[in-house]
Amino acid sequence: MTTRPRASLGRVLEDLGTTLLELVCGDPDRAGHIGGVVIHDPLDESVSPRNAIVLGVGVREPAAIADLLDSLSEHGAAGLVVRAPVEADATIASAVERSGVALLAVTRGASWAQLAAMLRSLIAEGDVGETGPETLGGMPSGDLFALANAIATLLDAPVTIEDRSSRVLAFSGRQDEADSSRVETILGRQVPARFSRILEERGVFQQLYRSHEPIQVEPMPGPDPEFALPRVALAIRAGDEILGSIWAAVRTPLSPERTQALQDAVKLVALHMLRLRAGADVERRLRADLVATVLEAGPGAAEALSRLGLADQDCVVLALAPVEPADDAEPNATRAQLVAEEQRMADAFSMHLGAVYPRSAVALVGDVAYGIVGVRRDQPDAEERAVLVATEFLERIGSGDRLLVGVGVVADDDATLVRSRIGADRALRVLRLGRTSAQVARIEDVHIEALMLELADLSAARGDRASGPVSRLIAYDAKRRTCLVDTLRAWLDAFGDVVAASAAVYTHPNTFRYRLRRLAEVGEIDLSDPDQRFAAMVELRLIGRAMPEAGGA
């Protein structure tokens, strides 16, 4: 998708409000779309576009803030940003109400340059009068490789720029001067797992993310170590957030001048990383919002479907998610790594669907990647084809049994598309709970199992417990160490065929007949009554799902 709306002040607060900005006073939706970003200069009356966000650098006193708000109202500004903390006293509240300009506060620790870069990314607006490529600190915006080479020249050492997951985002030249571990890292664009594990065990990452100064990392021990050169590492920060780190392979300790140069350079690297991430995040969040709006069939669903390019055609929803981990499984990755892996899978899923279907949209909502694909209205096997496409995707990425895909029904408009999403969710739930060995399933394939799970949910919500004949058999088996429940289940599954049922539980037919008579006595069940047989079958299906057993047996 290439179309993106201009951001409003409310959207800016939604995207940056958790970490950088907070609303002090005013209505963020009053001004509509943002027209640009302007830095206030008290010594110069700058010409600003309509609905601009003005960065009030150095404006702190309530009277000065009120005067600036009145001045900005004449230029039609949308909002004024000042440094936190700031309180909305009577003077400021009156000025906000009078001017119609919202007042925001930027958190302490975040630089104005970082804020300006992120705001310009969010509103897709460059500097006024800028005709050439955007630059930050004299470097082309987002060119981390140019930055890495510049830092390597300052430090006289080969450098890598890595993210929080130790993936290499950029590297400088002269990597052949480093050791074999650096060469392996560059070739794989990822720090090898064995080195990351050793660094974690030595507490290097913990020290790195706690320190605001460069840290020294000693070589790995051993007669012929692959990690032979010391490293100097420094975390890349944006306020309190860790974006990644810079690693330099050095032969001698850095001088104070080079240490200071590294600390100065890391601020510029943070700006470029924020610029890159902001652009990708805005596009991704917008797509996720549109997909979520369509799947929930809320107000604006038809408009969202049109903006996704999926209007006026039938659609099928696919839901991709990892297998539910066992409760006692030890986590092998941090939450940040899991989120990054989920996003990578969603991106790969989007690329695969885009290559197969002329129109499709994929977004990660929670831990589920939802794909909406457009299909021809004269295609009767659209769901079966979606299953084949999803199966091929799992085979191509070699996911083994780690990923599962639920496929919904074909929907012919935005109102019925929510049914397709519900169907995909229900099918995915059956797969994640291990009710079938398949990795991909339509809701039609697992409809009965999905109904049983929902019936078990309803029983659990009401506090129902196993009762009647099945409850009595469970209690009897638990007390006497018998297997009457298994006997009843086998007999029901075999439609009353004693020979087949006894073979299924490896029991002589005569012994099986005796157990049948015994379970009829203990459970007080009439096996000739079809209603009692049906009730027992349903209750046996529910046990082991979400419905508690009688007496905790």
Protein backbone atom coordinates (compact mmCIF):
# COMPACT_ATOMS: atom_id res chain seq x y z
CA MET A 1 0.00 0.00 0.00
CA THR A 2 1.39 3.37 -1.00
CA THR A 3 -1.36 5.75 0.09
CA ARG A 4 -0.92 7.25 3.55
CA PRO A 5 -2.98 10.06 5.09
CA ARG A 6 -1.46 13.11 6.64
CA ALA A 7 -1.27 12.67 10.40
CA SER A 8 -3.34 14.61 12.88
CA LEU A 9 -2.17 15.81 16.26
CA GLY A 10 -4.26 13.07 17.85
CA ARG A 11 -2.43 10.46 15.78
CA VAL A 12 0.93 11.94 16.75
CA LEU A 13 -0.03 11.61 20.42
CA GLU A 14 -1.19 8.05 19.81
CA ASP A 15 2.14 7.08 18.24
CA LEU A 16 4.51 9.01 20.52
CA GLY A 17 2.44 9.55 23.64
CA THR A 18 3.73 6.48 25.51
CA THR A 19 7.37 7.53 25.37
CA LEU A 20 7.95 11.08 24.15
CA LEU A 21 4.87 13.33 24.30
CA GLU A 22 1.99 14.02 26.64
CA LEU A 23 -1.00 16.31 26.23
CA VAL A 24 -1.01 19.10 28.83
CA CYS A 25 -4.07 21.06 27.75
CA GLY A 26 -6.26 21.55 24.71
CA ASP A 27 -8.07 19.55 22.03
CA PRO A 28 -5.61 17.58 19.84
CA ASP A 29 -8.21 16.94 17.11
CA ARG A 30 -9.26 20.55 16.70
CA ALA A 31 -6.72 21.46 14.03
CA GLY A 32 -7.04 18.46 11.71
CA HIS A 33 -4.01 17.39 9.68
CA ILE A 34 -0.53 18.61 10.65
CA GLY A 35 1.10 20.95 8.16
CA GLY A 36 4.72 20.78 9.30
CA VAL A 37 7.24 21.09 12.15
CA VAL A 38 8.66 24.49 13.16
CA ILE A 39 11.29 25.33 15.80
CA HIS A 40 10.44 28.53 17.66
CA ASP A 41 13.11 31.24 17.60
CA PRO A 42 12.34 34.23 19.88
CA LEU A 43 14.76 36.42 17.89
CA ASP A 44 13.22 35.74 14.50
CA GLU A 45 9.63 35.70 13.28
CA SER A 46 9.61 32.60 11.10
CA VAL A 47 6.96 31.89 8.45
CA SER A 48 5.26 28.63 9.42
CA PRO A 49 2.70 26.56 7.50
CA ARG A 50 -0.88 26.24 8.69
CA ASN A 51 -1.54 23.65 11.41
CA ALA A 52 2.16 23.38 12.26
CA ILE A 53 3.59 21.81 15.40
CA VAL A 54 5.86 24.39 17.03
CA LEU A 55 8.76 23.25 19.22
CA GLY A 56 9.14 25.82 21.97
CA VAL A 57 12.80 25.26 22.81
CA GLY A 58 13.73 27.09 26.01
CA VAL A 59 10.19 28.34 26.72
CA ARG A 60 9.47 27.49 30.35
CA GLU A 61 7.67 30.21 32.29
CA PRO A 62 3.83 30.14 32.26
CA ALA A 63 3.65 33.77 31.11
CA ALA A 64 6.04 33.12 28.23
CA ILE A 65 4.10 30.01 27.23
CA ALA A 66 0.81 31.97 27.30
CA ASP A 67 2.28 34.79 25.17
CA LEU A 68 3.63 32.29 22.64
CA LEU A 69 0.27 30.53 22.44
CA ASP A 70 -1.46 33.83 21.64
CA SER A 71 1.15 34.57 18.98
CA LEU A 72 0.79 31.13 17.40
CA SER A 73 -2.98 31.48 17.10
CA GLU A 74 -2.42 34.22 14.51
CA HIS A 75 -0.44 31.75 12.35
CA GLY A 76 -2.97 28.93 12.73
CA ALA A 77 -0.61 26.57 14.59
CA ALA A 78 -1.95 23.18 15.72
CA GLY A 79 0.16 22.65 18.82
CA LEU A 80 3.02 23.93 20.94
CA VAL A 81 5.55 21.55 22.50
CA VAL A 82 7.55 22.59 25.58
CA ARG A 83 9.87 20.70 27.90
CA ALA A 84 8.25 18.74 30.74
CA PRO A 85 7.32 19.24 33.50
CA VAL A 86 4.69 21.91 32.89
CA GLU A 87 1.43 22.46 34.72
CA ALA A 88 -1.73 23.80 33.12
CA ASP A 89 -2.41 26.67 35.54
CA ALA A 90 -5.12 29.28 35.00
CA THR A 91 -2.89 31.45 32.80
CA ILE A 92 -1.94 28.62 30.47
CA ALA A 93 -5.42 27.07 30.38
CA SER A 94 -6.92 30.44 29.47
CA ALA A 95 -4.35 30.98 26.71
CA VAL A 96 -4.99 27.50 25.27
CA GLU A 97 -8.74 28.08 25.24
CA ARG A 98 -8.33 31.54 23.73
CA SER A 99 -5.85 30.55 21.02
CA GLY A 100 -7.15 27.08 20.15
CA VAL A 101 -3.53 25.79 20.13
CA ALA A 102 -2.97 22.54 22.04
CA LEU A 103 -0.11 22.46 24.55
CA LEU A 104 2.10 19.35 24.74
CA ALA A 105 5.15 18.42 26.79
CA VAL A 106 8.16 16.41 25.66
CA THR A 107 9.63 14.06 28.24
CA ARG A 108 12.93 14.87 29.90
CA GLY A 109 15.88 13.00 28.38
CA ALA A 110 14.63 13.17 24.79
CA SER A 111 16.41 15.67 22.58
CA TRP A 112 14.61 18.22 20.45
CA ALA A 113 16.45 16.92 17.38
CA GLN A 114 15.12 13.42 17.97
CA LEU A 115 11.60 14.73 18.44
CA ALA A 116 11.75 16.85 15.29
CA ALA A 117 13.02 13.87 13.25
CA MET A 118 10.26 11.60 14.49
CA LEU A 119 7.53 14.20 13.97
CA ARG A 120 8.64 14.83 10.39
CA SER A 121 8.63 11.09 9.76
CA LEU A 122 5.15 10.68 11.19
CA ILE A 123 3.59 13.47 9.16
CA ALA A 124 5.60 12.66 6.00
CA GLU A 125 6.76 16.24 5.78
CA GLY A 126 10.31 17.41 5.06
CA ASP A 127 11.82 20.80 5.87
CA VAL A 128 10.21 23.80 4.16
CA GLY A 129 12.01 24.69 0.95
CA GLU A 130 14.06 21.49 0.95
CA THR A 131 14.60 20.23 -2.60
CA GLY A 132 17.37 17.68 -2.21
CA PRO A 133 17.53 14.45 -0.22
CA GLU A 134 16.90 14.86 3.49
CA THR A 135 20.03 14.91 5.63
CA LEU A 136 20.68 14.53 9.34
CA GLY A 137 23.96 15.81 10.70
CA GLY A 138 25.38 16.13 7.20
CA MET A 139 24.63 12.48 6.35
CA PRO A 140 21.88 11.22 4.02
CA SER A 141 18.91 10.38 6.18
CA GLY A 142 18.92 6.70 7.17
CA ASP A 143 22.32 5.90 5.60
CA LEU A 144 23.75 3.89 8.48
CA PHE A 145 26.58 2.51 6.34
CA ALA A 146 27.92 6.03 5.73
CA LEU A 147 27.71 6.63 9.48
CA ALA A 148 29.54 3.39 10.25
CA ASN A 149 32.37 4.35 7.90
CA ALA A 150 32.59 7.83 9.42
CA ILE A 151 32.75 6.41 12.95
CA ALA A 152 35.37 3.86 11.86
CA THR A 153 37.51 6.72 10.54
CA LEU A 154 37.17 8.60 13.83
CA LEU A 155 38.07 5.55 15.91
CA ASP A 156 40.57 3.99 13.46
CA ALA A 157 38.80 0.65 13.95
CA PRO A 158 36.21 -1.43 12.07
CA VAL A 159 32.69 -0.76 13.36
CA THR A 160 29.28 -2.46 13.30
CA ILE A 161 25.90 -0.94 14.16
CA GLU A 162 23.54 -3.53 15.63
CA ASP A 163 19.96 -3.61 16.90
CA ARG A 164 18.71 -4.97 20.23
CA SER A 165 18.63 -8.51 18.79
CA SER A 166 22.32 -8.30 17.72
CA ARG A 167 21.36 -8.11 14.05
CA VAL A 168 23.85 -6.11 12.00
CA LEU A 169 22.16 -3.02 10.56
CA ALA A 170 25.32 -1.56 9.01
CA PHE A 171 29.08 -2.03 9.06
CA SER A 172 32.16 -0.10 8.02
CA GLY A 173 35.04 -1.08 5.81
CA ARG A 174 38.28 -2.68 7.05
CA GLN A 175 36.41 -5.62 8.61
CA ASP A 176 39.23 -7.89 7.39
CA GLU A 177 41.43 -6.26 10.03
CA ALA A 178 39.25 -7.74 12.77
CA ASP A 179 39.05 -11.37 13.93
CA SER A 180 37.16 -14.32 12.44
CA SER A 181 34.11 -13.79 14.66
CA ARG A 182 33.58 -10.33 13.17
CA VAL A 183 33.87 -11.72 9.65
CA GLU A 184 31.29 -14.41 10.49
CA THR A 185 29.02 -11.74 11.96
CA ILE A 186 29.22 -9.61 8.81
CA LEU A 187 28.57 -12.52 6.48
CA GLY A 188 25.55 -13.69 8.47
CA ARG A 189 24.37 -10.13 9.30
CA GLN A 190 23.82 -11.46 12.82
CA VAL A 191 26.09 -12.05 15.82
CA PRO A 192 26.45 -15.87 16.02
CA ALA A 193 24.33 -17.40 18.76
CA ARG A 194 27.32 -18.94 20.53
CA PHE A 195 28.94 -15.52 20.96
CA SER A 196 25.69 -13.88 22.06
CA ARG A 197 25.20 -16.60 24.65
CA ILE A 198 28.71 -16.11 26.04
CA LEU A 199 28.26 -12.34 26.17
CA GLU A 200 24.96 -12.78 28.03
CA GLU A 201 26.56 -15.19 30.51
CA ARG A 202 29.35 -12.70 31.15
CA GLY A 203 26.81 -9.93 31.76
CA VAL A 204 28.09 -7.82 28.87
CA PHE A 205 24.65 -6.86 27.53
CA GLN A 206 23.42 -5.98 31.01
CA GLN A 207 26.44 -3.74 31.58
CA LEU A 208 26.09 -2.23 28.08
CA TYR A 209 22.45 -1.23 28.50
CA ARG A 210 23.00 0.16 31.98
CA SER A 211 25.98 2.32 31.10
CA HIS A 212 25.95 5.65 29.28
CA GLU A 213 29.69 5.33 28.70
CA PRO A 214 31.53 3.00 26.27
CA ILE A 215 32.37 -0.36 27.85
CA GLN A 216 35.39 -2.57 27.23
CA VAL A 217 34.69 -6.19 26.22
CA GLU A 218 37.60 -8.55 26.67
CA PRO A 219 38.43 -11.28 24.10
CA MET A 220 37.08 -14.79 24.52
CA PRO A 221 39.45 -17.19 26.31
CA GLY A 222 41.00 -20.11 24.46
CA PRO A 223 44.20 -21.19 22.67
CA ASP A 224 42.96 -19.97 19.26
CA PRO A 225 39.94 -17.79 20.00
CA GLU A 226 37.66 -16.63 17.20
CA PHE A 227 36.85 -13.54 19.32
CA ALA A 228 40.50 -12.48 19.59
CA LEU A 229 40.31 -8.67 19.59
CA PRO A 230 38.86 -6.57 22.40
CA ARG A 231 35.70 -4.64 21.65
CA VAL A 232 34.45 -1.23 22.67
CA ALA A 233 30.65 -1.08 22.76
CA LEU A 234 28.23 1.76 23.39
CA ALA A 235 24.45 1.63 23.61
CA ILE A 236 22.39 3.73 21.18
CA ARG A 237 19.68 5.57 23.13
CA ALA A 238 16.68 7.73 22.39
CA GLY A 239 15.72 9.08 25.78
CA ASP A 240 15.21 6.02 27.98
CA GLU A 241 14.78 3.63 25.05
CA ILE A 242 17.63 1.39 23.85
CA LEU A 243 17.69 1.27 20.04
CA GLY A 244 20.80 -0.85 19.60
CA SER A 245 24.57 -0.57 20.01
CA ILE A 246 27.82 0.31 18.25
CA TRP A 247 30.70 -2.20 18.39
CA ALA A 248 34.29 -1.35 17.47
CA ALA A 249 37.05 -4.00 17.24
CA VAL A 250 40.08 -2.24 18.75
CA ARG A 251 43.63 -3.35 19.32
CA THR A 252 44.38 -0.71 21.97
CA PRO A 253 42.12 1.19 24.37
CA LEU A 254 40.47 4.27 22.94
CA SER A 255 41.96 7.62 23.80
CA PRO A 256 39.79 10.17 25.64
CA GLU A 257 39.37 12.11 22.40
CA ARG A 258 38.17 9.06 20.46
CA THR A 259 35.91 8.04 23.34
CA GLN A 260 34.28 11.46 23.22
CA ALA A 261 33.98 11.19 19.42
CA LEU A 262 32.15 7.88 19.81
CA GLN A 263 29.78 9.38 22.38
CA ASP A 264 29.05 12.30 20.07
CA ALA A 265 28.53 10.03 17.06
CA VAL A 266 26.06 7.74 18.86
CA LYS A 267 23.58 10.63 19.14
CA LEU A 268 23.58 11.05 15.36
CA VAL A 269 23.19 7.29 14.88
CA ALA A 270 20.14 7.40 17.15
CA LEU A 271 18.58 10.10 14.97
CA HIS A 272 19.07 8.08 11.81
CA MET A 273 17.71 4.90 13.42
CA LEU A 274 14.65 6.78 14.65
CA ARG A 275 14.13 8.23 11.18
CA LEU A 276 14.25 4.78 9.60
CA ARG A 277 12.07 3.18 12.24
CA ALA A 278 9.50 5.95 12.33
CA GLY A 279 8.81 5.71 8.62
CA ALA A 280 8.42 1.92 8.74
CA ASP A 281 6.40 2.03 11.96
CA VAL A 282 3.96 4.60 10.65
CA GLU A 283 3.26 2.56 7.52
CA ARG A 284 2.96 -0.64 9.54
CA ARG A 285 0.70 0.89 12.16
CA LEU A 286 -1.53 2.44 9.56
CA ARG A 287 -1.91 -0.89 7.78
CA ALA A 288 -2.57 -2.65 11.11
CA ASP A 289 -5.24 -0.07 11.95
CA LEU A 290 -6.92 -0.50 8.59
CA VAL A 291 -6.85 -4.30 8.81
CA ALA A 292 -8.17 -4.23 12.40
CA THR A 293 -10.98 -1.86 11.37
CA VAL A 294 -11.98 -4.18 8.55
CA LEU A 295 -11.84 -7.33 10.70
CA GLU A 296 -13.93 -5.79 13.47
CA ALA A 297 -16.58 -4.52 11.01
CA GLY A 298 -16.71 -1.26 12.92
CA PRO A 299 -17.48 2.23 11.60
CA GLY A 300 -15.33 2.96 8.60
CA ALA A 301 -14.83 -0.71 7.67
CA ALA A 302 -15.93 -0.11 4.08
CA GLU A 303 -13.57 2.87 3.75
CA ALA A 304 -10.69 0.88 5.28
CA LEU A 305 -11.34 -2.01 2.90
CA SER A 306 -11.28 0.41 -0.01
CA ARG A 307 -7.99 1.93 1.12
CA LEU A 308 -6.51 -1.56 1.33
CA GLY A 309 -7.54 -2.08 -2.28
CA LEU A 310 -9.87 -4.96 -1.42
CA ALA A 311 -13.29 -3.42 -2.06
CA ASP A 312 -15.73 -4.81 -4.63
CA GLN A 313 -14.46 -8.39 -4.45
CA ASP A 314 -14.75 -11.48 -2.29
CA CYS A 315 -12.17 -11.94 0.45
CA VAL A 316 -10.84 -14.71 2.69
CA VAL A 317 -9.17 -14.14 6.06
CA LEU A 318 -6.14 -16.18 7.16
CA ALA A 319 -4.82 -16.12 10.74
CA LEU A 320 -1.15 -17.04 11.33
CA ALA A 321 0.24 -17.59 14.83
CA PRO A 322 2.88 -19.66 16.63
CA VAL A 323 2.07 -22.80 18.57
CA GLU A 324 1.01 -22.16 22.16
CA PRO A 325 4.07 -22.82 24.40
CA ALA A 326 3.73 -25.33 27.19
CA ASP A 327 3.17 -23.87 30.65
CA ASP A 328 6.37 -25.45 31.99
CA ALA A 329 8.48 -24.61 28.95
CA GLU A 330 11.53 -22.47 29.68
CA PRO A 331 11.61 -19.33 27.54
CA ASN A 332 14.58 -19.30 25.19
CA ALA A 333 14.08 -15.71 24.12
CA THR A 334 13.16 -12.40 25.63
CA ARG A 335 9.79 -10.80 24.97
CA ALA A 336 11.44 -8.30 22.63
CA GLN A 337 12.94 -11.12 20.58
CA LEU A 338 9.57 -12.88 20.37
CA VAL A 339 7.86 -9.70 19.17
CA ALA A 340 10.59 -9.16 16.57
CA GLU A 341 10.23 -12.75 15.38
CA GLU A 342 6.44 -12.39 15.11
CA GLN A 343 6.87 -9.23 13.04
CA ARG A 344 9.37 -10.95 10.74
CA MET A 345 6.94 -13.83 10.22
CA ALA A 346 4.15 -11.34 9.46
CA ASP A 347 6.36 -9.54 6.93
CA ALA A 348 7.28 -12.84 5.27
CA PHE A 349 3.61 -13.87 5.22
CA SER A 350 2.71 -10.55 3.60
CA MET A 351 5.33 -11.02 0.90
CA HIS A 352 4.18 -14.58 0.17
CA LEU A 353 0.50 -13.66 -0.08
CA GLY A 354 1.34 -10.61 -2.21
CA ALA A 355 3.18 -12.84 -4.68
CA VAL A 356 0.20 -15.21 -5.03
CA TYR A 357 -2.81 -12.91 -4.77
CA PRO A 358 -3.08 -9.70 -6.84
CA ARG A 359 -4.60 -7.94 -3.82
CA SER A 360 -3.84 -8.73 -0.19
CA ALA A 361 -3.14 -7.05 3.14
CA VAL A 362 -1.37 -8.46 6.19
CA ALA A 363 -1.01 -6.92 9.65
CA LEU A 364 0.11 -8.17 13.05
CA VAL A 365 -2.70 -7.72 15.60
CA GLY A 366 -1.59 -8.94 19.02
CA ASP A 367 0.35 -12.15 18.39
CA VAL A 368 -1.71 -13.12 15.33
CA ALA A 369 -0.82 -12.08 11.78
CA TYR A 370 -4.07 -11.61 9.88
CA GLY A 371 -4.02 -11.80 6.10
CA ILE A 372 -6.95 -10.62 3.97
CA VAL A 373 -6.74 -11.86 0.39
CA GLY A 374 -9.00 -10.91 -2.50
CA VAL A 375 -10.41 -13.80 -4.55
CA ARG A 376 -12.47 -13.98 -7.71
CA ARG A 377 -16.19 -14.29 -7.21
CA ASP A 378 -16.32 -17.08 -9.77
CA GLN A 379 -13.73 -19.15 -7.89
CA PRO A 380 -15.57 -21.94 -6.03
CA ASP A 381 -12.47 -23.39 -4.37
CA ALA A 382 -11.16 -20.14 -2.85
CA GLU A 383 -10.86 -21.61 0.66
CA GLU A 384 -9.07 -24.75 -0.56
CA ARG A 385 -6.65 -22.58 -2.52
CA ALA A 386 -5.98 -20.47 0.57
CA VAL A 387 -5.11 -23.66 2.47
CA LEU A 388 -2.65 -24.67 -0.27
CA VAL A 389 -1.05 -21.22 -0.29
CA ALA A 390 -0.66 -21.22 3.51
CA THR A 391 0.76 -24.75 3.48
CA GLU A 392 3.28 -23.76 0.82
CA PHE A 393 4.32 -20.75 2.91
CA LEU A 394 5.00 -22.92 5.97
CA GLU A 395 6.99 -25.37 3.85
CA ARG A 396 9.07 -22.63 2.27
CA ILE A 397 10.11 -20.99 5.51
CA GLY A 398 10.80 -24.38 7.12
CA SER A 399 8.72 -23.61 10.20
CA GLY A 400 8.37 -27.28 11.17
CA ASP A 401 5.47 -27.34 13.57
CA ARG A 402 6.08 -23.88 15.07
CA LEU A 403 3.49 -21.95 13.02
CA LEU A 404 -0.18 -22.60 12.39
CA VAL A 405 -2.72 -21.03 10.02
CA GLY A 406 -6.51 -20.90 10.33
CA VAL A 407 -8.57 -20.14 7.23
CA GLY A 408 -12.01 -18.49 7.36
CA VAL A 409 -14.92 -18.60 4.97
CA VAL A 410 -15.32 -16.55 1.80
CA ALA A 411 -16.88 -13.12 2.48
CA ASP A 412 -18.58 -11.05 -0.19
CA ASP A 413 -18.61 -7.66 1.60
CA ASP A 414 -17.13 -5.82 4.58
CA ALA A 415 -20.08 -6.76 6.82
CA THR A 416 -19.58 -10.52 6.35
CA LEU A 417 -15.78 -10.26 6.46
CA VAL A 418 -15.94 -10.36 10.24
CA ARG A 419 -17.45 -13.87 9.93
CA SER A 420 -14.41 -14.93 7.95
CA ARG A 421 -12.13 -13.53 10.67
CA ILE A 422 -14.09 -15.31 13.42
CA GLY A 423 -13.89 -18.53 11.45
CA ALA A 424 -10.13 -18.17 11.01
CA ASP A 425 -9.73 -17.47 14.74
CA ARG A 426 -11.80 -20.52 15.66
CA ALA A 427 -9.83 -22.78 13.32
CA LEU A 428 -6.55 -21.37 14.62
CA ARG A 429 -7.59 -22.02 18.21
CA VAL A 430 -8.31 -25.68 17.45
CA LEU A 431 -4.86 -25.98 15.87
CA ARG A 432 -3.06 -24.22 18.75
CA LEU A 433 -4.69 -26.49 21.31
CA GLY A 434 -3.44 -29.55 19.44
CA ARG A 435 -6.89 -30.96 18.60
CA THR A 436 -5.58 -31.97 15.17
CA SER A 437 -2.16 -32.77 13.76
CA ALA A 438 -2.58 -30.39 10.82
CA GLN A 439 -0.79 -27.05 10.58
CA VAL A 440 -3.37 -25.42 8.32
CA ALA A 441 -7.13 -25.87 8.63
CA ARG A 442 -10.35 -24.30 7.40
CA ILE A 443 -13.09 -23.70 9.94
CA GLU A 444 -15.18 -26.16 7.93
CA ASP A 445 -12.59 -28.87 8.62
CA VAL A 446 -12.62 -28.37 12.40
CA HIS A 447 -16.12 -26.99 12.90
CA ILE A 448 -17.30 -29.66 15.37
CA GLU A 449 -14.11 -29.45 17.43
CA ALA A 450 -14.45 -25.65 17.55
CA LEU A 451 -18.04 -26.02 18.75
CA MET A 452 -16.95 -28.42 21.50
CA LEU A 453 -14.30 -25.95 22.66
CA GLU A 454 -16.87 -23.16 22.80
CA LEU A 455 -19.28 -25.41 24.69
CA ALA A 456 -16.49 -26.18 27.15
CA ASP A 457 -15.85 -22.43 27.54
CA LEU A 458 -19.52 -21.86 28.29
CA SER A 459 -19.57 -24.67 30.85
CA ALA A 460 -16.42 -23.36 32.54
CA ALA A 461 -17.79 -19.81 32.61
CA ARG A 462 -20.93 -21.01 34.37
CA GLY A 463 -18.95 -23.21 36.76
CA ASP A 464 -20.44 -26.46 35.44
CA ARG A 465 -18.78 -29.74 36.35
CA ALA A 466 -19.02 -33.24 34.98
CA SER A 467 -22.15 -34.82 36.40
CA GLY A 468 -24.40 -37.85 36.04
CA PRO A 469 -23.11 -41.21 34.77
CA VAL A 470 -19.75 -39.93 33.52
CA SER A 471 -19.05 -38.21 36.84
CA ARG A 472 -19.79 -41.41 38.75
CA LEU A 473 -17.55 -43.45 36.44
CA ILE A 474 -14.66 -40.97 36.82
CA ALA A 475 -14.93 -41.13 40.62
CA TYR A 476 -15.13 -44.94 40.56
CA ASP A 477 -12.06 -45.26 38.30
CA ALA A 478 -10.07 -42.88 40.49
CA LYS A 479 -10.93 -44.82 43.64
CA ARG A 480 -10.68 -48.41 42.35
CA ARG A 481 -8.01 -47.91 39.63
CA THR A 482 -10.36 -49.35 37.01
CA CYS A 483 -10.91 -48.24 33.41
CA LEU A 484 -14.66 -47.99 33.03
CA VAL A 485 -14.48 -44.54 31.39
CA ASP A 486 -12.12 -45.84 28.72
CA THR A 487 -14.44 -48.82 28.20
CA LEU A 488 -17.45 -46.55 27.70
CA ARG A 489 -15.55 -44.27 25.32
CA ALA A 490 -14.31 -47.20 23.22
CA TRP A 491 -17.81 -48.70 23.03
CA LEU A 492 -19.35 -45.41 21.95
CA ASP A 493 -16.63 -44.77 19.38
CA ALA A 494 -17.24 -48.24 17.91
CA PHE A 495 -21.02 -47.67 17.67
CA GLY A 496 -21.66 -50.54 20.07
CA ASP A 497 -19.48 -53.08 18.24
CA VAL A 498 -18.04 -55.05 21.16
CA VAL A 499 -15.44 -56.87 19.05
CA ALA A 500 -14.03 -53.67 17.55
CA ALA A 501 -14.20 -51.80 20.86
CA SER A 502 -12.48 -54.57 22.83
CA ALA A 503 -9.71 -54.73 20.22
CA ALA A 504 -9.21 -50.97 20.51
CA VAL A 505 -8.48 -51.27 24.25
CA TYR A 506 -6.66 -54.63 23.95
CA THR A 507 -9.26 -56.53 26.00
CA HIS A 508 -10.96 -59.88 25.47
CA PRO A 509 -14.57 -59.44 24.25
CA ASN A 510 -15.97 -61.34 27.23
CA THR A 511 -14.04 -59.15 29.66
CA PHE A 512 -15.21 -56.09 27.74
CA ARG A 513 -18.86 -57.23 28.01
CA TYR A 514 -18.44 -57.67 31.77
CA ARG A 515 -17.04 -54.13 32.06
CA LEU A 516 -19.97 -52.80 30.07
CA ARG A 517 -22.42 -54.36 32.49
CA ARG A 518 -20.37 -53.06 35.41
CA LEU A 519 -20.18 -49.49 34.10
CA ALA A 520 -23.93 -49.53 33.47
CA GLU A 521 -24.44 -50.44 37.13
CA VAL A 522 -21.88 -48.00 38.54
CA GLY A 523 -22.78 -45.12 36.25
CA GLU A 524 -26.50 -45.83 36.39
CA ILE A 525 -26.71 -45.40 32.63
CA ASP A 526 -29.05 -47.17 30.22
CA LEU A 527 -26.89 -47.93 27.19
CA SER A 528 -29.97 -48.75 25.14
CA ASP A 529 -31.28 -45.17 25.54
CA PRO A 530 -30.05 -42.97 22.62
CA ASP A 531 -30.42 -39.76 24.65
CA GLN A 532 -28.25 -41.12 27.49
CA ARG A 533 -25.68 -42.36 24.98
CA PHE A 534 -25.56 -38.93 23.31
CA ALA A 535 -25.24 -37.14 26.66
CA ALA A 536 -22.35 -39.42 27.64
CA MET A 537 -20.59 -38.83 24.31
CA VAL A 538 -20.83 -35.05 24.64
CA GLU A 539 -19.61 -35.08 28.24
CA LEU A 540 -16.69 -37.35 27.38
CA ARG A 541 -15.72 -34.91 24.60
CA LEU A 542 -15.86 -31.97 26.97
CA ILE A 543 -13.69 -33.57 29.66
CA GLY A 544 -10.06 -32.64 29.14
CA ARG A 545 -10.86 -29.33 27.49
CA ALA A 546 -12.02 -26.47 29.70
CA MET A 547 -14.74 -28.18 31.75
CA PRO A 548 -13.66 -29.16 35.29
CA GLU A 549 -14.16 -32.76 36.31
CA ALA A 550 -16.34 -33.68 39.24
CA GLY A 551 -14.59 -33.56 42.55
CA GLY A 552 -11.32 -32.53 40.93
CA ALA A 553 -10.74 -36.13 39.74
